PDB file of N, CA and C in Angstrom:
ATOM      1  N   UNK A   1      44.899-211.667 128.050  1.00  0.00           N
ATOM      2  CA  UNK A   1      45.832-211.968 126.664  1.00  0.00           C
ATOM      3  C   UNK A   1      46.934-213.003 126.955  1.00  0.00           C
ATOM      4  N   UNK A   2      47.129-214.140 126.091  1.00  0.00           N
ATOM      5  CA  UNK A   2      48.034-214.954 126.621  1.00  0.00           C
ATOM      6  C   UNK A   2      49.512-214.399 126.373  1.00  0.00           C
ATOM      7  N   UNK A   3      50.626-214.496 127.208  1.00  0.00           N
ATOM      8  CA  UNK A   3      51.731-213.997 126.765  1.00  0.00           C
ATOM      9  C   UNK A   3      52.740-214.824 126.544  1.00  0.00           C
ATOM     10  N   UNK A   4      52.521-216.017 126.228  1.00  0.00           N
ATOM     11  CA  UNK A   4      53.157-217.512 125.966  1.00  0.00           C
ATOM     12  C   UNK A   4      52.575-217.860 124.947  1.00  0.00           C
ATOM     13  N   UNK A   5      52.836-217.641 123.562  1.00  0.00           N
ATOM     14  CA  UNK A   5      52.526-218.162 122.221  1.00  0.00           C
ATOM     15  C   UNK A   5      53.129-219.185 121.616  1.00  0.00           C
ATOM     16  N   UNK A   6      54.280-219.490 122.418  1.00  0.00           N
ATOM     17  CA  UNK A   6      55.116-220.803 122.100  1.00  0.00           C
ATOM     18  C   UNK A   6      56.373-220.406 121.657  1.00  0.00           C
ATOM     19  N   UNK A   7      57.448-221.310 120.740  1.00  0.00           N
ATOM     20  CA  UNK A   7      58.596-220.854 120.234  1.00  0.00           C
ATOM     21  C   UNK A   7      58.581-220.766 118.910  1.00  0.00           C
ATOM     22  N   UNK A   8      57.978-221.396 118.391  1.00  0.00           N
ATOM     23  CA  UNK A   8      58.164-221.611 116.726  1.00  0.00           C
ATOM     24  C   UNK A   8      57.630-220.256 116.298  1.00  0.00           C
ATOM     25  N   UNK A   9      58.217-220.400 114.922  1.00  0.00           N
ATOM     26  CA  UNK A   9      57.991-219.132 114.157  1.00  0.00           C
ATOM     27  C   UNK A   9      56.372-218.562 114.058  1.00  0.00           C
ATOM     28  N   UNK A  10      55.465-219.343 114.014  1.00  0.00           N
ATOM     29  CA  UNK A  10      54.205-218.647 114.052  1.00  0.00           C
ATOM     30  C   UNK A  10      54.012-217.964 115.319  1.00  0.00           C
ATOM     31  N   UNK A  11      54.503-218.522 116.347  1.00  0.00           N
ATOM     32  CA  UNK A  11      54.262-217.837 117.624  1.00  0.00           C
ATOM     33  C   UNK A  11      54.808-216.611 117.880  1.00  0.00           C
ATOM     34  N   UNK A  12      56.162-216.726 117.564  1.00  0.00           N
ATOM     35  CA  UNK A  12      56.965-215.612 117.564  1.00  0.00           C
ATOM     36  C   UNK A  12      56.271-214.431 116.560  1.00  0.00           C
ATOM     37  N   UNK A  13      55.989-214.569 115.422  1.00  0.00           N
ATOM     38  CA  UNK A  13      55.194-213.599 114.499  1.00  0.00           C
ATOM     39  C   UNK A  13      54.039-213.040 115.318  1.00  0.00           C
ATOM     40  N   UNK A  14      53.058-213.964 116.034  1.00  0.00           N
ATOM     41  CA  UNK A  14      51.852-213.528 116.470  1.00  0.00           C
ATOM     42  C   UNK A  14      52.467-212.483 117.564  1.00  0.00           C
ATOM     43  N   UNK A  15      53.198-212.838 118.445  1.00  0.00           N
ATOM     44  CA  UNK A  15      53.938-211.850 119.645  1.00  0.00           C
ATOM     45  C   UNK A  15      54.096-210.642 119.001  1.00  0.00           C
ATOM     46  N   UNK A  16      55.324-210.608 117.929  1.00  0.00           N
ATOM     47  CA  UNK A  16      55.636-209.565 117.354  1.00  0.00           C
ATOM     48  C   UNK A  16      54.744-208.547 116.826  1.00  0.00           C
ATOM     49  N   UNK A  17      53.584-209.197 116.089  1.00  0.00           N
ATOM     50  CA  UNK A  17      52.542-208.517 115.363  1.00  0.00           C
ATOM     51  C   UNK A  17      51.380-207.839 116.774  1.00  0.00           C
ATOM     52  N   UNK A  18      51.467-208.461 117.873  1.00  0.00           N
ATOM     53  CA  UNK A  18      50.665-207.705 118.625  1.00  0.00           C
ATOM     54  C   UNK A  18      51.486-206.636 119.092  1.00  0.00           C
ATOM     55  N   UNK A  19      52.730-206.605 119.439  1.00  0.00           N
ATOM     56  CA  UNK A  19      53.761-205.551 120.094  1.00  0.00           C
ATOM     57  C   UNK A  19      53.778-204.525 118.693  1.00  0.00           C
ATOM     58  N   UNK A  20      53.700-204.828 117.796  1.00  0.00           N
ATOM     59  CA  UNK A  20      53.928-203.828 116.416  1.00  0.00           C
ATOM     60  C   UNK A  20      52.520-202.973 116.457  1.00  0.00           C
ATOM     61  N   UNK A  21      51.283-203.692 116.568  1.00  0.00           N
ATOM     62  CA  UNK A  21      50.083-202.652 116.551  1.00  0.00           C
ATOM     63  C   UNK A  21      50.177-202.002 117.734  1.00  0.00           C
ATOM     64  N   UNK A  22      50.283-202.419 119.380  1.00  0.00           N
ATOM     65  CA  UNK A  22      50.308-201.640 120.093  1.00  0.00           C
ATOM     66  C   UNK A  22      51.202-200.498 120.252  1.00  0.00           C
ATOM     67  N   UNK A  23      52.449-200.690 119.689  1.00  0.00           N
ATOM     68  CA  UNK A  23      53.441-199.500 119.441  1.00  0.00           C
ATOM     69  C   UNK A  23      52.925-198.376 118.360  1.00  0.00           C
ATOM     70  N   UNK A  24      52.490-199.245 117.390  1.00  0.00           N
ATOM     71  CA  UNK A  24      52.074-198.313 116.332  1.00  0.00           C
ATOM     72  C   UNK A  24      50.750-197.214 117.027  1.00  0.00           C
ATOM     73  N   UNK A  25      49.805-197.703 117.721  1.00  0.00           N
ATOM     74  CA  UNK A  25      49.062-197.276 118.208  1.00  0.00           C
ATOM     75  C   UNK A  25      49.215-196.270 119.554  1.00  0.00           C
ATOM     76  N   UNK A  26      50.400-196.278 120.054  1.00  0.00           N
ATOM     77  CA  UNK A  26      51.118-195.736 121.010  1.00  0.00           C
ATOM     78  C   UNK A  26      50.490-195.932 122.678  1.00  0.00           C
ATOM     79  N   UNK A  27      50.255-197.488 122.195  1.00  0.00           N
ATOM     80  CA  UNK A  27      49.711-198.091 123.654  1.00  0.00           C
ATOM     81  C   UNK A  27      48.409-197.461 124.034  1.00  0.00           C
ATOM     82  N   UNK A  28      47.600-196.865 123.200  1.00  0.00           N
ATOM     83  CA  UNK A  28      46.356-196.181 123.331  1.00  0.00           C
ATOM     84  C   UNK A  28      45.083-196.865 122.808  1.00  0.00           C
ATOM     85  N   UNK A  29      44.129-196.841 123.499  1.00  0.00           N
ATOM     86  CA  UNK A  29      42.849-197.807 123.270  1.00  0.00           C
ATOM     87  C   UNK A  29      42.191-196.935 121.530  1.00  0.00           C
ATOM     88  N   UNK A  30      42.156-197.437 120.361  1.00  0.00           N
ATOM     89  CA  UNK A  30      41.376-196.892 119.615  1.00  0.00           C
ATOM     90  C   UNK A  30      40.092-196.484 119.769  1.00  0.00           C
ATOM     91  N   UNK A  31      39.400-197.190 120.875  1.00  0.00           N
ATOM     92  CA  UNK A  31      37.854-197.149 120.929  1.00  0.00           C
ATOM     93  C   UNK A  31      37.475-195.730 121.965  1.00  0.00           C
ATOM     94  N   UNK A  32      38.741-195.754 122.952  1.00  0.00           N
ATOM     95  CA  UNK A  32      38.039-194.836 124.182  1.00  0.00           C
ATOM     96  C   UNK A  32      38.995-193.875 124.376  1.00  0.00           C
ATOM     97  N   UNK A  33      40.628-194.185 123.766  1.00  0.00           N
ATOM     98  CA  UNK A  33      41.127-193.039 124.310  1.00  0.00           C
ATOM     99  C   UNK A  33      42.348-193.531 125.514  1.00  0.00           C
ATOM    100  N   UNK A  34      41.863-194.448 126.295  1.00  0.00           N
ATOM    101  CA  UNK A  34      42.615-194.534 127.340  1.00  0.00           C
ATOM    102  C   UNK A  34      44.062-195.258 127.243  1.00  0.00           C
ATOM    103  N   UNK A  35      44.960-194.804 127.791  1.00  0.00           N
ATOM    104  CA  UNK A  35      46.641-195.284 127.452  1.00  0.00           C
ATOM    105  C   UNK A  35      46.937-196.374 128.581  1.00  0.00           C
ATOM    106  N   UNK A  36      48.055-197.013 128.379  1.00  0.00           N
ATOM    107  CA  UNK A  36      48.694-197.930 129.056  1.00  0.00           C
ATOM    108  C   UNK A  36      49.532-196.934 130.531  1.00  0.00           C
ATOM    109  N   UNK A  37      49.693-195.768 130.417  1.00  0.00           N
ATOM    110  CA  UNK A  37      50.275-194.696 131.098  1.00  0.00           C
ATOM    111  C   UNK A  37      49.118-194.715 132.437  1.00  0.00           C
ATOM    112  N   UNK A  38      47.634-194.707 131.890  1.00  0.00           N
ATOM    113  CA  UNK A  38      46.828-194.485 132.385  1.00  0.00           C
ATOM    114  C   UNK A  38      46.438-196.102 133.631  1.00  0.00           C
ATOM    115  N   UNK A  39      47.140-196.786 133.350  1.00  0.00           N
ATOM    116  CA  UNK A  39      47.311-198.002 134.206  1.00  0.00           C
ATOM    117  C   UNK A  39      46.078-199.258 133.559  1.00  0.00           C
ATOM    118  N   UNK A  40      45.805-198.883 132.242  1.00  0.00           N
ATOM    119  CA  UNK A  40      45.142-200.123 131.519  1.00  0.00           C
ATOM    120  C   UNK A  40      45.910-200.988 130.611  1.00  0.00           C
ATOM    121  N   UNK A  41      45.471-202.186 130.458  1.00  0.00           N
ATOM    122  CA  UNK A  41      46.104-203.180 129.785  1.00  0.00           C
ATOM    123  C   UNK A  41      45.820-203.124 128.588  1.00  0.00           C
ATOM    124  N   UNK A  42      46.576-202.818 127.207  1.00  0.00           N
ATOM    125  CA  UNK A  42      46.286-202.502 125.978  1.00  0.00           C
ATOM    126  C   UNK A  42      46.614-203.761 125.229  1.00  0.00           C
ATOM    127  N   UNK A  43      45.959-204.240 124.795  1.00  0.00           N
ATOM    128  CA  UNK A  43      45.697-205.377 123.780  1.00  0.00           C
ATOM    129  C   UNK A  43      45.836-205.259 121.966  1.00  0.00           C
ATOM    130  N   UNK A  44      45.819-206.183 121.532  1.00  0.00           N
ATOM    131  CA  UNK A  44      45.887-206.232 120.235  1.00  0.00           C
ATOM    132  C   UNK A  44      44.434-206.908 119.822  1.00  0.00           C
ATOM    133  N   UNK A  45      43.723-206.181 119.122  1.00  0.00           N
ATOM    134  CA  UNK A  45      42.072-206.612 118.588  1.00  0.00           C
ATOM    135  C   UNK A  45      42.319-206.702 117.176  1.00  0.00           C
ATOM    136  N   UNK A  46      42.148-208.097 116.757  1.00  0.00           N
ATOM    137  CA  UNK A  46      41.963-208.719 115.232  1.00  0.00           C
ATOM    138  C   UNK A  46      40.605-207.987 115.094  1.00  0.00           C
ATOM    139  N   UNK A  47      40.535-207.911 113.544  1.00  0.00           N
ATOM    140  CA  UNK A  47      39.493-207.337 112.744  1.00  0.00           C
ATOM    141  C   UNK A  47      38.837-208.573 112.209  1.00  0.00           C
ATOM    142  N   UNK A  48      39.581-209.750 111.365  1.00  0.00           N
ATOM    143  CA  UNK A  48      39.335-210.782 110.996  1.00  0.00           C
ATOM    144  C   UNK A  48      39.995-211.795 111.959  1.00  0.00           C
ATOM    145  N   UNK A  49      39.452-212.578 112.435  1.00  0.00           N
ATOM    146  CA  UNK A  49      39.754-213.353 113.328  1.00  0.00           C
ATOM    147  C   UNK A  49      41.395-214.228 113.269  1.00  0.00           C
ATOM    148  N   UNK A  50      42.255-214.375 114.286  1.00  0.00           N
ATOM    149  CA  UNK A  50      43.546-214.875 114.018  1.00  0.00           C
ATOM    150  C   UNK A  50      43.611-215.946 113.591  1.00  0.00           C
ATOM    151  N   UNK A  51      42.212-216.661 113.712  1.00  0.00           N
ATOM    152  CA  UNK A  51      42.493-218.126 112.876  1.00  0.00           C
ATOM    153  C   UNK A  51      42.706-218.358 111.302  1.00  0.00           C
ATOM    154  N   UNK A  52      42.469-217.143 110.670  1.00  0.00           N
ATOM    155  CA  UNK A  52      42.723-216.765 109.145  1.00  0.00           C
ATOM    156  C   UNK A  52      44.247-216.410 109.156  1.00  0.00           C
ATOM    157  N   UNK A  53      45.246-217.469 108.832  1.00  0.00           N
ATOM    158  CA  UNK A  53      46.675-217.418 108.768  1.00  0.00           C
ATOM    159  C   UNK A  53      46.836-216.174 107.853  1.00  0.00           C
ATOM    160  N   UNK A  54      46.319-215.844 106.661  1.00  0.00           N
ATOM    161  CA  UNK A  54      46.665-214.856 105.830  1.00  0.00           C
ATOM    162  C   UNK A  54      46.542-213.457 106.407  1.00  0.00           C
ATOM    163  N   UNK A  55      45.522-213.406 106.990  1.00  0.00           N
ATOM    164  CA  UNK A  55      45.753-211.641 107.900  1.00  0.00           C
ATOM    165  C   UNK A  55      46.277-211.822 109.292  1.00  0.00           C
ATOM    166  N   UNK A  56      46.621-213.137 110.002  1.00  0.00           N
ATOM    167  CA  UNK A  56      46.592-213.087 110.949  1.00  0.00           C
ATOM    168  C   UNK A  56      47.817-211.868 111.872  1.00  0.00           C
ATOM    169  N   UNK A  57      49.073-211.709 110.877  1.00  0.00           N
ATOM    170  CA  UNK A  57      50.012-210.991 111.400  1.00  0.00           C
ATOM    171  C   UNK A  57      50.042-209.997 110.441  1.00  0.00           C
ATOM    172  N   UNK A  58      48.983-209.305 109.802  1.00  0.00           N
ATOM    173  CA  UNK A  58      48.809-208.400 109.122  1.00  0.00           C
ATOM    174  C   UNK A  58      48.383-207.079 109.782  1.00  0.00           C
ATOM    175  N   UNK A  59      49.345-206.070 110.092  1.00  0.00           N
ATOM    176  CA  UNK A  59      49.131-205.205 110.806  1.00  0.00           C
ATOM    177  C   UNK A  59      47.801-204.288 110.461  1.00  0.00           C
ATOM    178  N   UNK A  60      47.516-204.300 109.176  1.00  0.00           N
ATOM    179  CA  UNK A  60      46.284-203.450 108.756  1.00  0.00           C
ATOM    180  C   UNK A  60      44.966-204.512 109.349  1.00  0.00           C
ATOM    181  N   UNK A  61      45.246-205.633 110.196  1.00  0.00           N
ATOM    182  CA  UNK A  61      44.148-206.499 110.448  1.00  0.00           C
ATOM    183  C   UNK A  61      44.073-206.344 111.970  1.00  0.00           C
ATOM    184  N   UNK A  62      44.451-205.240 112.699  1.00  0.00           N
ATOM    185  CA  UNK A  62      44.283-205.047 114.139  1.00  0.00           C
ATOM    186  C   UNK A  62      44.469-203.659 114.563  1.00  0.00           C
ATOM    187  N   UNK A  63      43.963-203.477 115.546  1.00  0.00           N
ATOM    188  CA  UNK A  63      44.137-201.961 116.201  1.00  0.00           C
ATOM    189  C   UNK A  63      44.321-202.617 117.878  1.00  0.00           C
ATOM    190  N   UNK A  64      44.688-201.497 118.363  1.00  0.00           N
ATOM    191  CA  UNK A  64      44.873-201.575 119.685  1.00  0.00           C
ATOM    192  C   UNK A  64      43.637-201.021 120.479  1.00  0.00           C
ATOM    193  N   UNK A  65      43.326-201.818 121.583  1.00  0.00           N
ATOM    194  CA  UNK A  65      42.314-201.710 122.458  1.00  0.00           C
ATOM    195  C   UNK A  65      42.414-202.083 123.650  1.00  0.00           C
ATOM    196  N   UNK A  66      41.705-201.375 124.886  1.00  0.00           N
ATOM    197  CA  UNK A  66      41.672-201.626 125.881  1.00  0.00           C
ATOM    198  C   UNK A  66      40.972-203.012 126.449  1.00  0.00           C
ATOM    199  N   UNK A  67      41.632-203.846 127.460  1.00  0.00           N
ATOM    200  CA  UNK A  67      40.785-204.868 127.565  1.00  0.00           C
ATOM    201  C   UNK A  67      39.332-204.712 127.681  1.00  0.00           C
ATOM    202  N   UNK A  68      38.753-203.636 128.303  1.00  0.00           N
ATOM    203  CA  UNK A  68      37.194-203.451 128.268  1.00  0.00           C
ATOM    204  C   UNK A  68      36.918-203.281 127.172  1.00  0.00           C
ATOM    205  N   UNK A  69      37.124-202.622 126.365  1.00  0.00           N
ATOM    206  CA  UNK A  69      36.596-202.169 124.865  1.00  0.00           C
ATOM    207  C   UNK A  69      36.778-203.267 124.025  1.00  0.00           C
ATOM    208  N   UNK A  70      38.065-204.350 124.022  1.00  0.00           N
ATOM    209  CA  UNK A  70      38.333-205.269 123.294  1.00  0.00           C
ATOM    210  C   UNK A  70      36.931-206.380 123.667  1.00  0.00           C
ATOM    211  N   UNK A  71      36.798-206.410 125.072  1.00  0.00           N
ATOM    212  CA  UNK A  71      35.764-207.370 125.619  1.00  0.00           C
ATOM    213  C   UNK A  71      34.374-207.123 125.097  1.00  0.00           C
ATOM    214  N   UNK A  72      34.017-205.659 125.117  1.00  0.00           N
ATOM    215  CA  UNK A  72      32.775-205.078 124.428  1.00  0.00           C
ATOM    216  C   UNK A  72      32.471-205.208 123.025  1.00  0.00           C
ATOM    217  N   UNK A  73      33.568-204.924 122.304  1.00  0.00           N
ATOM    218  CA  UNK A  73      34.021-205.186 120.742  1.00  0.00           C
ATOM    219  C   UNK A  73      33.348-206.862 120.626  1.00  0.00           C
ATOM    220  N   UNK A  74      34.203-207.853 121.218  1.00  0.00           N
ATOM    221  CA  UNK A  74      33.766-208.937 121.046  1.00  0.00           C
ATOM    222  C   UNK A  74      32.239-209.333 121.336  1.00  0.00           C
ATOM    223  N   UNK A  75      31.722-208.921 122.230  1.00  0.00           N
ATOM    224  CA  UNK A  75      30.327-209.102 122.437  1.00  0.00           C
ATOM    225  C   UNK A  75      29.284-208.290 121.659  1.00  0.00           C
ATOM    226  N   UNK A  76      29.653-207.659 120.837  1.00  0.00           N
ATOM    227  CA  UNK A  76      28.809-206.636 119.865  1.00  0.00           C
ATOM    228  C   UNK A  76      29.330-206.675 118.439  1.00  0.00           C
ATOM    229  N   UNK A  77      29.260-207.812 117.989  1.00  0.00           N
ATOM    230  CA  UNK A  77      29.960-207.638 116.637  1.00  0.00           C
ATOM    231  C   UNK A  77      29.348-206.365 115.535  1.00  0.00           C
ATOM    232  N   UNK A  78      28.355-206.337 115.861  1.00  0.00           N
ATOM    233  CA  UNK A  78      27.656-205.218 114.457  1.00  0.00           C
ATOM    234  C   UNK A  78      27.940-204.011 114.891  1.00  0.00           C
ATOM    235  N   UNK A  79      28.035-203.561 116.235  1.00  0.00           N
ATOM    236  CA  UNK A  79      28.230-202.485 116.651  1.00  0.00           C
ATOM    237  C   UNK A  79      29.919-202.293 116.126  1.00  0.00           C
ATOM    238  N   UNK A  80      30.819-203.173 116.405  1.00  0.00           N
ATOM    239  CA  UNK A  80      32.347-203.154 116.086  1.00  0.00           C
ATOM    240  C   UNK A  80      32.355-203.088 114.536  1.00  0.00           C
ATOM    241  N   UNK A  81      31.550-203.827 113.855  1.00  0.00           N
ATOM    242  CA  UNK A  81      31.733-203.960 112.389  1.00  0.00           C
ATOM    243  C   UNK A  81      31.516-202.481 111.913  1.00  0.00           C
ATOM    244  N   UNK A  82      30.326-201.656 112.309  1.00  0.00           N
ATOM    245  CA  UNK A  82      30.050-200.213 111.847  1.00  0.00           C
ATOM    246  C   UNK A  82      31.038-199.525 112.268  1.00  0.00           C
ATOM    247  N   UNK A  83      31.675-199.582 113.513  1.00  0.00           N
ATOM    248  CA  UNK A  83      32.675-198.606 114.138  1.00  0.00           C
ATOM    249  C   UNK A  83      33.938-198.487 113.173  1.00  0.00           C
ATOM    250  N   UNK A  84      34.102-200.090 112.801  1.00  0.00           N
ATOM    251  CA  UNK A  84      35.386-200.210 111.968  1.00  0.00           C
ATOM    252  C   UNK A  84      35.147-199.759 110.792  1.00  0.00           C
ATOM    253  N   UNK A  85      33.971-199.680 110.180  1.00  0.00           N
ATOM    254  CA  UNK A  85      33.692-199.127 108.716  1.00  0.00           C
ATOM    255  C   UNK A  85      34.032-197.511 108.908  1.00  0.00           C
ATOM    256  N   UNK A  86      33.684-196.983 109.711  1.00  0.00           N
ATOM    257  CA  UNK A  86      33.731-195.533 110.089  1.00  0.00           C
ATOM    258  C   UNK A  86      35.235-195.183 110.558  1.00  0.00           C
ATOM    259  N   UNK A  87      35.871-196.022 111.012  1.00  0.00           N
ATOM    260  CA  UNK A  87      37.415-195.538 111.662  1.00  0.00           C
ATOM    261  C   UNK A  87      38.045-196.069 110.404  1.00  0.00           C
ATOM    262  N   UNK A  88      38.249-197.114 109.473  1.00  0.00           N
ATOM    263  CA  UNK A  88      38.954-197.305 108.571  1.00  0.00           C
ATOM    264  C   UNK A  88      38.495-197.417 107.456  1.00  0.00           C
ATOM    265  N   UNK A  89      37.332-197.337 107.036  1.00  0.00           N
ATOM    266  CA  UNK A  89      36.627-197.111 105.682  1.00  0.00           C
ATOM    267  C   UNK A  89      36.426-198.437 104.865  1.00  0.00           C
ATOM    268  N   UNK A  90      35.230-198.464 104.028  1.00  0.00           N
ATOM    269  CA  UNK A  90      35.368-199.900 103.563  1.00  0.00           C
ATOM    270  C   UNK A  90      36.180-200.361 102.751  1.00  0.00           C
ATOM    271  N   UNK A  91      36.923-199.612 102.030  1.00  0.00           N
ATOM    272  CA  UNK A  91      38.179-200.234 101.322  1.00  0.00           C
ATOM    273  C   UNK A  91      38.992-200.859 102.038  1.00  0.00           C
ATOM    274  N   UNK A  92      39.382-200.285 103.165  1.00  0.00           N
ATOM    275  CA  UNK A  92      40.276-201.009 104.045  1.00  0.00           C
ATOM    276  C   UNK A  92      39.799-202.430 104.474  1.00  0.00           C
ATOM    277  N   UNK A  93      38.382-202.468 104.714  1.00  0.00           N
ATOM    278  CA  UNK A  93      37.693-203.885 105.262  1.00  0.00           C
ATOM    279  C   UNK A  93      37.889-204.958 104.023  1.00  0.00           C
ATOM    280  N   UNK A  94      37.424-204.261 103.160  1.00  0.00           N
ATOM    281  CA  UNK A  94      37.325-205.128 102.044  1.00  0.00           C
ATOM    282  C   UNK A  94      38.694-205.587 101.259  1.00  0.00           C
ATOM    283  N   UNK A  95      39.868-205.018 101.539  1.00  0.00           N
ATOM    284  CA  UNK A  95      40.916-205.496 101.126  1.00  0.00           C
ATOM    285  C   UNK A  95      41.268-206.669 102.333  1.00  0.00           C
ATOM    286  N   UNK A  96      41.353-206.468 103.239  1.00  0.00           N
ATOM    287  CA  UNK A  96      41.268-207.173 104.382  1.00  0.00           C
ATOM    288  C   UNK A  96      40.591-208.749 104.134  1.00  0.00           C
ATOM    289  N   UNK A  97      39.303-208.508 103.856  1.00  0.00           N
ATOM    290  CA  UNK A  97      38.499-209.644 103.194  1.00  0.00           C
ATOM    291  C   UNK A  97      38.951-210.328 102.081  1.00  0.00           C
ATOM    292  N   UNK A  98      39.661-209.589 101.033  1.00  0.00           N
ATOM    293  CA  UNK A  98      40.504-210.080  99.917  1.00  0.00           C
ATOM    294  C   UNK A  98      41.442-211.120 100.544  1.00  0.00           C
ATOM    295  N   UNK A  99      42.115-210.593 101.247  1.00  0.00           N
ATOM    296  CA  UNK A  99      43.638-211.200 101.381  1.00  0.00           C
ATOM    297  C   UNK A  99      43.235-212.254 102.388  1.00  0.00           C
ATOM    298  N   UNK A 100      42.100-212.104 103.361  1.00  0.00           N
ATOM    299  CA  UNK A 100      41.700-213.427 104.167  1.00  0.00           C
ATOM    300  C   UNK A 100      41.062-214.588 103.126  1.00  0.00           C
ATOM    301  N   UNK A 101      40.244-214.056 102.344  1.00  0.00           N
ATOM    302  CA  UNK A 101      39.715-215.121 101.166  1.00  0.00           C
ATOM    303  C   UNK A 101      40.756-216.041 100.370  1.00  0.00           C
ATOM    304  N   UNK A 102      41.598-214.942 100.403  1.00  0.00           N
ATOM    305  CA  UNK A 102      42.699-215.801  99.083  1.00  0.00           C
ATOM    306  C   UNK A 102      43.121-217.138  99.839  1.00  0.00           C
ATOM    307  N   UNK A 103      43.307-216.742 101.200  1.00  0.00           N
ATOM    308  CA  UNK A 103      44.106-217.878 101.756  1.00  0.00           C
ATOM    309  C   UNK A 103      45.481-218.457 101.348  1.00  0.00           C
ATOM    310  N   UNK A 104      46.325-217.225 101.440  1.00  0.00           N
ATOM    311  CA  UNK A 104      47.684-217.319 101.131  1.00  0.00           C
ATOM    312  C   UNK A 104      48.209-218.272 102.021  1.00  0.00           C
ATOM    313  N   UNK A 105      49.194-218.913 101.709  1.00  0.00           N
ATOM    314  CA  UNK A 105      50.229-219.647 102.847  1.00  0.00           C
ATOM    315  C   UNK A 105      51.564-218.687 103.123  1.00  0.00           C
ATOM    316  N   UNK A 106      51.342-218.601 104.387  1.00  0.00           N
ATOM    317  CA  UNK A 106      52.512-217.591 105.060  1.00  0.00           C
ATOM    318  C   UNK A 106      53.671-218.566 105.536  1.00  0.00           C
ATOM    319  N   UNK A 107      55.002-217.787 105.085  1.00  0.00           N
ATOM    320  CA  UNK A 107      56.330-218.082 105.577  1.00  0.00           C
ATOM    321  C   UNK A 107      56.585-217.306 106.677  1.00  0.00           C
ATOM    322  N   UNK A 108      56.328-218.347 107.962  1.00  0.00           N
ATOM    323  CA  UNK A 108      56.542-217.749 109.304  1.00  0.00           C
ATOM    324  C   UNK A 108      57.587-217.421 109.490  1.00  0.00           C
ATOM    325  N   UNK A 109      58.854-217.619 109.030  1.00  0.00           N
ATOM    326  CA  UNK A 109      59.953-217.163 109.448  1.00  0.00           C
ATOM    327  C   UNK A 109      60.364-216.041 108.719  1.00  0.00           C
ATOM    328  N   UNK A 110      59.983-215.722 107.637  1.00  0.00           N
ATOM    329  CA  UNK A 110      60.091-214.485 106.991  1.00  0.00           C
ATOM    330  C   UNK A 110      58.949-213.335 107.514  1.00  0.00           C
ATOM    331  N   UNK A 111      57.627-213.975 108.203  1.00  0.00           N
ATOM    332  CA  UNK A 111      56.995-212.940 108.746  1.00  0.00           C
ATOM    333  C   UNK A 111      57.588-212.592 109.865  1.00  0.00           C
ATOM    334  N   UNK A 112      58.143-213.349 110.460  1.00  0.00           N
ATOM    335  CA  UNK A 112      59.034-212.740 111.683  1.00  0.00           C
ATOM    336  C   UNK A 112      60.041-211.814 111.588  1.00  0.00           C
ATOM    337  N   UNK A 113      60.562-211.998 110.795  1.00  0.00           N
ATOM    338  CA  UNK A 113      61.739-211.122 110.052  1.00  0.00           C
ATOM    339  C   UNK A 113      61.136-209.545 109.697  1.00  0.00           C
ATOM    340  N   UNK A 114      60.154-209.581 108.866  1.00  0.00           N
ATOM    341  CA  UNK A 114      59.092-208.612 108.387  1.00  0.00           C
ATOM    342  C   UNK A 114      58.683-207.806 109.604  1.00  0.00           C
ATOM    343  N   UNK A 115      58.149-208.497 110.626  1.00  0.00           N
ATOM    344  CA  UNK A 115      57.397-207.692 112.004  1.00  0.00           C
ATOM    345  C   UNK A 115      58.618-206.774 112.772  1.00  0.00           C
ATOM    346  N   UNK A 116      59.797-207.557 112.846  1.00  0.00           N
ATOM    347  CA  UNK A 116      60.917-207.248 113.646  1.00  0.00           C
ATOM    348  C   UNK A 116      61.368-205.985 112.847  1.00  0.00           C
ATOM    349  N   UNK A 117      61.604-206.023 111.613  1.00  0.00           N
ATOM    350  CA  UNK A 117      62.114-204.669 111.073  1.00  0.00           C
ATOM    351  C   UNK A 117      60.987-203.578 110.914  1.00  0.00           C
ATOM    352  N   UNK A 118      59.828-203.965 111.113  1.00  0.00           N
ATOM    353  CA  UNK A 118      58.446-202.952 111.428  1.00  0.00           C
ATOM    354  C   UNK A 118      58.758-202.196 112.986  1.00  0.00           C
ATOM    355  N   UNK A 119      58.852-203.355 113.674  1.00  0.00           N
ATOM    356  CA  UNK A 119      58.976-202.867 115.345  1.00  0.00           C
ATOM    357  C   UNK A 119      59.919-202.173 115.423  1.00  0.00           C
ATOM    358  N   UNK A 120      61.455-202.382 115.018  1.00  0.00           N
ATOM    359  CA  UNK A 120      62.654-201.540 114.953  1.00  0.00           C
ATOM    360  C   UNK A 120      62.209-200.373 114.346  1.00  0.00           C
ATOM    361  N   UNK A 121      61.784-200.006 113.314  1.00  0.00           N
ATOM    362  CA  UNK A 121      61.603-198.905 112.609  1.00  0.00           C
ATOM    363  C   UNK A 121      60.161-197.912 113.420  1.00  0.00           C
ATOM    364  N   UNK A 122      59.541-198.653 114.055  1.00  0.00           N
ATOM    365  CA  UNK A 122      58.518-197.806 115.063  1.00  0.00           C
ATOM    366  C   UNK A 122      59.377-197.419 116.217  1.00  0.00           C
ATOM    367  N   UNK A 123      60.173-198.230 117.063  1.00  0.00           N
ATOM    368  CA  UNK A 123      61.160-197.815 118.283  1.00  0.00           C
ATOM    369  C   UNK A 123      61.882-196.698 117.858  1.00  0.00           C
ATOM    370  N   UNK A 124      62.408-196.858 116.552  1.00  0.00           N
ATOM    371  CA  UNK A 124      63.392-195.590 116.313  1.00  0.00           C
ATOM    372  C   UNK A 124      62.893-194.738 116.034  1.00  0.00           C
ATOM    373  N   UNK A 125      61.717-194.316 115.631  1.00  0.00           N
ATOM    374  CA  UNK A 125      60.850-193.153 115.771  1.00  0.00           C
ATOM    375  C   UNK A 125      60.091-192.286 116.674  1.00  0.00           C
ATOM    376  N   UNK A 126      60.214-193.010 117.911  1.00  0.00           N
ATOM    377  CA  UNK A 126      59.661-192.919 119.041  1.00  0.00           C
ATOM    378  C   UNK A 126      60.875-191.903 120.049  1.00  0.00           C
TER     379      UNK A 126
END
């Protein structure tokens, strides 16, 4: 996973989003349950591609996965899709699809502020 996303607001939002998702999921792989404390790298796995700006930094569009499970899901998209529907529910996935298709323009500076607030709240609750 790249650690240098750049310096502009979109890059900062992307990095914050990854940290929000991994913090929310307690740095634990949602697929296999392994944790960062067990020596595994925990990554932010998007449901809808990061290429879609409208859902790129939506915390509902990602889960924490260990590097091994992240690689496996990317090689097995149908297995991943079925697991996501069981794990999150069809309504959750439909909502993400609606957001992604809408193609909303993102204000990246505002998104940085929103994600930082969420991260601060998550950090204070731990």
